[in-house]
């Protein structure tokens, strides 16, 4: 049973910090114990096992990762980042069912997640309005549903104040905007700083305000903003831009 694939992989996860301690070059067991915050007994046993499995090699100046060990460490690190991101994004993942997000949850491992609550039902709306008002420059994003008239008003005001934006909407969202906020839609379409596109489907709502990505979850029952995740991580913003451009390039421009 000890040698089953599952047991093997669990042991590797447990040994990830030992492997990481050797990432930058040879390290003796005392150094590994210090870097990995493990006891010398644990490090002795772990290095012996990892050497036997071909992940570490012992040299005169300490233990080094083999090529195989480097590959395994990269996979373990990626897996741990994905788990961390998924746990961190749980409030949004409970509301967003999209492979585009599930396949990249590691990008949100360090994001700030804000949830609405019965004690603060407008916390998300207020945070979004503050973000919109504080960020100028280039904006882009997806809208498939509107959660708050106050957010629409804040976006409209930012457009009038000089912000430029490219946005992809679902046709359903455009219809609701026409019904609920006809003046805002007409005024924003008249601005030469905005470009709007329409597609039938979008995976979720998000916005990038001046280099800050905001992922937005809407409560399907109440229609209000329920949760947001905010990050300035360059890889996350680059992912959002690529996703935006993918949908924009197959959308119909309406303004």
Protein backbone atom coordinates (compact mmCIF):
# COMPACT_ATOMS: atom_id res chain seq x y z
CA UNK A 1 0.00 0.00 0.00
CA UNK A 2 2.88 2.34 0.76
CA UNK A 3 4.02 2.12 -2.84
CA UNK A 4 0.63 2.93 -4.42
CA UNK A 5 0.61 5.96 -6.77
CA UNK A 6 -1.58 7.88 -4.33
CA UNK A 7 0.75 7.24 -1.40
CA UNK A 8 3.73 8.17 -3.56
CA UNK A 9 2.17 11.49 -4.58
CA UNK A 10 1.12 12.32 -1.02
CA UNK A 11 4.69 11.74 0.12
CA UNK A 12 5.96 14.01 -2.63
CA UNK A 13 3.61 16.79 -1.53
CA UNK A 14 4.87 16.35 2.00
CA UNK A 15 8.45 16.55 0.70
CA UNK A 16 7.90 19.61 -1.50
CA UNK A 17 9.59 21.96 0.97
CA UNK A 18 12.64 19.65 1.07
CA UNK A 19 12.91 19.76 -2.71
CA UNK A 20 12.39 23.54 -2.72
CA UNK A 21 15.26 23.94 -0.27
CA UNK A 22 17.57 22.53 -2.95
CA UNK A 23 16.19 24.65 -5.78
CA UNK A 24 19.04 27.18 -5.84
CA UNK A 25 21.91 24.70 -5.74
CA UNK A 26 23.53 22.13 -3.49
CA UNK A 27 22.52 22.26 0.18
CA UNK A 28 23.64 20.11 3.08
CA UNK A 29 21.13 18.58 5.45
CA UNK A 30 21.49 21.31 8.08
CA UNK A 31 20.79 24.00 5.47
CA UNK A 32 17.82 22.05 4.12
CA UNK A 33 16.40 21.67 7.63
CA UNK A 34 16.67 25.43 8.19
CA UNK A 35 15.19 26.40 4.81
CA UNK A 36 12.36 23.88 5.01
CA UNK A 37 11.67 24.43 8.73
CA UNK A 38 11.90 20.69 9.34
CA UNK A 39 13.75 18.64 11.93
CA UNK A 40 17.09 17.08 11.04
CA UNK A 41 15.57 13.62 11.54
CA UNK A 42 12.85 14.37 8.99
CA UNK A 43 15.37 15.83 6.55
CA UNK A 44 17.67 12.81 6.90
CA UNK A 45 14.83 10.42 6.12
CA UNK A 46 13.43 12.60 3.31
CA UNK A 47 16.72 13.19 1.50
CA UNK A 48 17.47 9.47 1.64
CA UNK A 49 14.07 8.66 0.09
CA UNK A 50 14.25 11.42 -2.51
CA UNK A 51 17.73 10.37 -3.56
CA UNK A 52 16.55 6.76 -3.91
CA UNK A 53 13.62 7.95 -6.06
CA UNK A 54 15.93 9.93 -8.34
CA UNK A 55 14.75 13.42 -7.36
CA UNK A 56 17.90 14.42 -5.49
CA UNK A 57 21.52 13.61 -6.05
CA UNK A 58 24.18 13.78 -3.37
CA UNK A 59 27.32 15.74 -4.17
CA UNK A 60 30.37 16.68 -2.17
CA UNK A 61 28.80 20.04 -1.26
CA UNK A 62 25.28 18.78 -0.55
CA UNK A 63 22.07 17.66 -2.23
CA UNK A 64 20.96 19.00 -5.63
CA UNK A 65 17.80 18.54 -7.65
CA UNK A 66 18.06 16.21 -10.61
CA UNK A 67 16.32 17.20 -13.84
CA UNK A 68 13.51 14.86 -12.84
CA UNK A 69 13.43 16.42 -9.39
CA UNK A 70 13.18 19.91 -10.88
CA UNK A 71 10.25 18.79 -13.04
CA UNK A 72 8.45 17.21 -10.07
CA UNK A 73 9.02 20.32 -7.95
CA UNK A 74 7.53 22.54 -10.66
CA UNK A 75 4.46 20.31 -10.85
CA UNK A 76 4.06 20.24 -7.08
CA UNK A 77 4.44 24.01 -6.85
CA UNK A 78 1.83 24.53 -9.56
CA UNK A 79 -0.59 22.11 -7.91
CA UNK A 80 -0.20 23.81 -4.54
CA UNK A 81 -0.80 27.22 -6.15
CA UNK A 82 -3.94 25.92 -7.85
CA UNK A 83 -5.28 24.52 -4.59
CA UNK A 84 -4.50 27.75 -2.75
CA UNK A 85 -6.21 29.77 -5.46
CA UNK A 86 -9.28 27.53 -5.48
CA UNK A 87 -9.71 27.71 -1.69
CA UNK A 88 -9.19 31.47 -1.76
CA UNK A 89 -11.74 31.94 -4.56
CA UNK A 90 -14.34 29.60 -3.04
CA UNK A 91 -16.99 32.34 -2.54
CA UNK A 92 -16.81 33.26 -6.23
CA UNK A 93 -16.46 29.68 -7.49
CA UNK A 94 -19.69 28.84 -5.67
CA UNK A 95 -21.40 31.29 -8.05
CA UNK A 96 -19.27 31.13 -11.21
CA UNK A 97 -19.27 27.96 -13.29
CA UNK A 98 -16.65 28.59 -15.97
CA UNK A 99 -13.66 26.51 -17.09
CA UNK A 100 -11.92 29.73 -18.12
CA UNK A 101 -11.70 30.56 -14.41
CA UNK A 102 -11.26 27.05 -12.99
CA UNK A 103 -8.22 26.50 -15.20
CA UNK A 104 -6.50 29.64 -13.84
CA UNK A 105 -7.42 29.86 -10.15
CA UNK A 106 -3.73 29.99 -9.20
CA UNK A 107 -3.68 33.57 -10.50
CA UNK A 108 -5.93 34.58 -7.59
CA UNK A 109 -4.02 32.93 -4.73
CA UNK A 110 -3.08 36.39 -3.36
CA UNK A 111 -6.19 38.29 -4.43
CA UNK A 112 -8.26 40.35 -2.01
CA UNK A 113 -11.66 38.67 -1.75
CA UNK A 114 -14.60 40.73 -0.50
CA UNK A 115 -17.95 39.15 0.31
CA UNK A 116 -21.29 40.81 0.90
CA UNK A 117 -23.11 39.89 4.09
CA UNK A 118 -26.36 40.53 5.85
CA UNK A 119 -24.55 43.06 8.03
CA UNK A 120 -23.03 44.85 5.03
CA UNK A 121 -25.24 44.14 2.00
CA UNK A 122 -23.80 47.05 0.00
CA UNK A 123 -20.13 46.39 0.76
CA UNK A 124 -19.40 45.13 -2.75
CA UNK A 125 -21.27 47.96 -4.44
CA UNK A 126 -19.41 50.54 -2.34
CA UNK A 127 -16.04 48.92 -3.03
CA UNK A 128 -16.70 48.86 -6.78
CA UNK A 129 -17.82 52.48 -6.86
CA UNK A 130 -14.67 53.45 -4.96
CA UNK A 131 -12.45 51.48 -7.35
CA UNK A 132 -14.13 53.04 -10.37
CA UNK A 133 -13.74 56.54 -8.99
CA UNK A 134 -10.08 56.03 -8.06
CA UNK A 135 -8.86 54.56 -11.35
CA UNK A 136 -8.52 56.36 -14.66
CA UNK A 137 -6.74 55.37 -17.83
CA UNK A 138 -7.50 52.28 -19.87
CA UNK A 139 -10.43 50.10 -18.87
CA UNK A 140 -11.70 46.86 -20.37
CA UNK A 141 -13.91 44.00 -19.28
CA UNK A 142 -16.96 41.77 -19.57
CA UNK A 143 -20.54 42.43 -18.50
CA UNK A 144 -23.20 39.78 -18.69
CA UNK A 145 -25.38 41.19 -15.90
CA UNK A 146 -25.69 44.46 -14.00
CA UNK A 147 -25.78 44.23 -10.25
CA UNK A 148 -26.30 47.84 -9.21
CA UNK A 149 -27.56 51.13 -10.68
CA UNK A 150 -24.93 52.89 -8.55
CA UNK A 151 -22.14 51.03 -10.35
CA UNK A 152 -23.61 51.88 -13.77
CA UNK A 153 -23.81 55.53 -12.71
CA UNK A 154 -20.19 55.49 -11.49
CA UNK A 155 -19.01 53.97 -14.78
CA UNK A 156 -20.97 56.56 -16.76
CA UNK A 157 -19.45 59.38 -14.75
CA UNK A 158 -15.94 58.03 -15.27
CA UNK A 159 -16.54 57.89 -19.03
CA UNK A 160 -17.71 61.49 -19.06
CA UNK A 161 -14.66 62.50 -17.03
CA UNK A 162 -12.27 61.21 -19.69
CA UNK A 163 -11.70 57.50 -19.07
CA UNK A 164 -11.41 55.35 -22.19
CA UNK A 165 -12.86 51.85 -22.26
CA UNK A 166 -13.45 48.77 -24.35
CA UNK A 167 -16.22 46.49 -23.16
CA UNK A 168 -17.82 43.23 -24.22
CA UNK A 169 -21.48 42.72 -23.29
CA UNK A 170 -23.87 39.86 -23.78
CA UNK A 171 -26.87 40.70 -25.92
CA UNK A 172 -29.06 40.08 -22.87
CA UNK A 173 -27.05 42.62 -20.86
CA UNK A 174 -27.36 45.20 -23.63
CA UNK A 175 -31.12 44.67 -23.62
CA UNK A 176 -31.35 45.23 -19.89
CA UNK A 177 -29.13 48.31 -20.15
CA UNK A 178 -31.46 49.74 -22.79
CA UNK A 179 -34.48 49.09 -20.58
CA UNK A 180 -33.10 50.15 -17.22
CA UNK A 181 -30.51 52.81 -18.11
CA UNK A 182 -31.39 54.15 -21.57
CA UNK A 183 -29.85 57.57 -20.99
CA UNK A 184 -26.54 56.14 -19.81
CA UNK A 185 -26.39 53.80 -22.80
CA UNK A 186 -27.10 56.61 -25.28
CA UNK A 187 -24.58 58.97 -23.72
CA UNK A 188 -21.79 56.39 -23.49
CA UNK A 189 -22.29 55.26 -27.08
CA UNK A 190 -21.84 58.86 -28.21
CA UNK A 191 -18.38 59.08 -26.65
CA UNK A 192 -15.42 58.46 -28.96
CA UNK A 193 -13.40 57.05 -26.04
CA UNK A 194 -15.57 53.94 -25.70
CA UNK A 195 -15.94 50.80 -27.80
CA UNK A 196 -18.68 48.29 -27.10
CA UNK A 197 -19.05 44.76 -28.43
CA UNK A 198 -21.79 42.17 -28.16
CA UNK A 199 -21.62 38.37 -27.94
CA UNK A 200 -24.20 35.79 -26.94
CA UNK A 201 -22.23 34.32 -24.04
CA UNK A 202 -19.63 35.46 -21.51
CA UNK A 203 -18.18 33.26 -18.76
CA UNK A 204 -18.41 35.83 -15.94
CA UNK A 205 -18.14 39.53 -15.16
CA UNK A 206 -14.77 41.20 -14.76
CA UNK A 207 -13.21 44.62 -15.10
CA UNK A 208 -9.67 45.90 -15.37
CA UNK A 209 -9.35 49.43 -14.05
CA UNK A 210 -5.93 50.97 -14.60
CA UNK A 211 -4.04 47.68 -14.22
CA UNK A 212 -6.21 46.27 -11.40
CA UNK A 213 -8.32 43.20 -12.18
CA UNK A 214 -11.67 42.85 -10.44
CA UNK A 215 -13.50 39.54 -10.82
CA UNK A 216 -17.20 39.91 -10.00
CA UNK A 217 -19.82 37.36 -8.91
CA UNK A 218 -23.51 38.22 -9.03
CA UNK A 219 -26.10 36.56 -6.79
CA UNK A 220 -28.49 34.93 -9.30
CA UNK A 221 -31.41 35.12 -6.85
CA UNK A 222 -31.18 38.78 -5.85
CA UNK A 223 -29.26 40.10 -8.86
CA UNK A 224 -26.88 42.08 -6.65
CA UNK A 225 -23.10 41.99 -6.42
CA UNK A 226 -22.23 39.14 -4.08
CA UNK A 227 -18.43 38.71 -4.14
CA UNK A 228 -15.39 40.24 -5.78
CA UNK A 229 -11.73 39.30 -6.04
CA UNK A 230 -9.20 42.08 -6.63
CA UNK A 231 -5.64 41.59 -7.83
CA UNK A 232 -2.86 43.58 -9.46
CA UNK A 233 -0.75 40.51 -10.22
CA UNK A 234 0.66 41.07 -13.75
CA UNK A 235 -0.01 37.45 -14.80
CA UNK A 236 -3.65 37.76 -13.74
CA UNK A 237 -4.10 41.03 -15.63
CA UNK A 238 -2.40 39.51 -18.71
CA UNK A 239 -4.76 36.51 -18.51
CA UNK A 240 -7.76 38.86 -18.34
CA UNK A 241 -6.52 40.82 -21.34
CA UNK A 242 -6.03 37.67 -23.39
CA UNK A 243 -9.53 36.46 -22.47
CA UNK A 244 -11.00 39.85 -23.29
CA UNK A 245 -9.31 39.99 -26.69
CA UNK A 246 -10.43 36.44 -27.50
CA UNK A 247 -14.10 37.35 -26.98
CA UNK A 248 -13.81 40.84 -28.44
CA UNK A 249 -12.30 39.55 -31.68
CA UNK A 250 -15.32 37.36 -32.38
CA UNK A 251 -17.90 39.87 -31.15
CA UNK A 252 -19.98 42.40 -33.05
CA UNK A 253 -19.06 46.00 -32.44
CA UNK A 254 -22.05 48.17 -31.60
CA UNK A 255 -20.38 51.51 -30.78
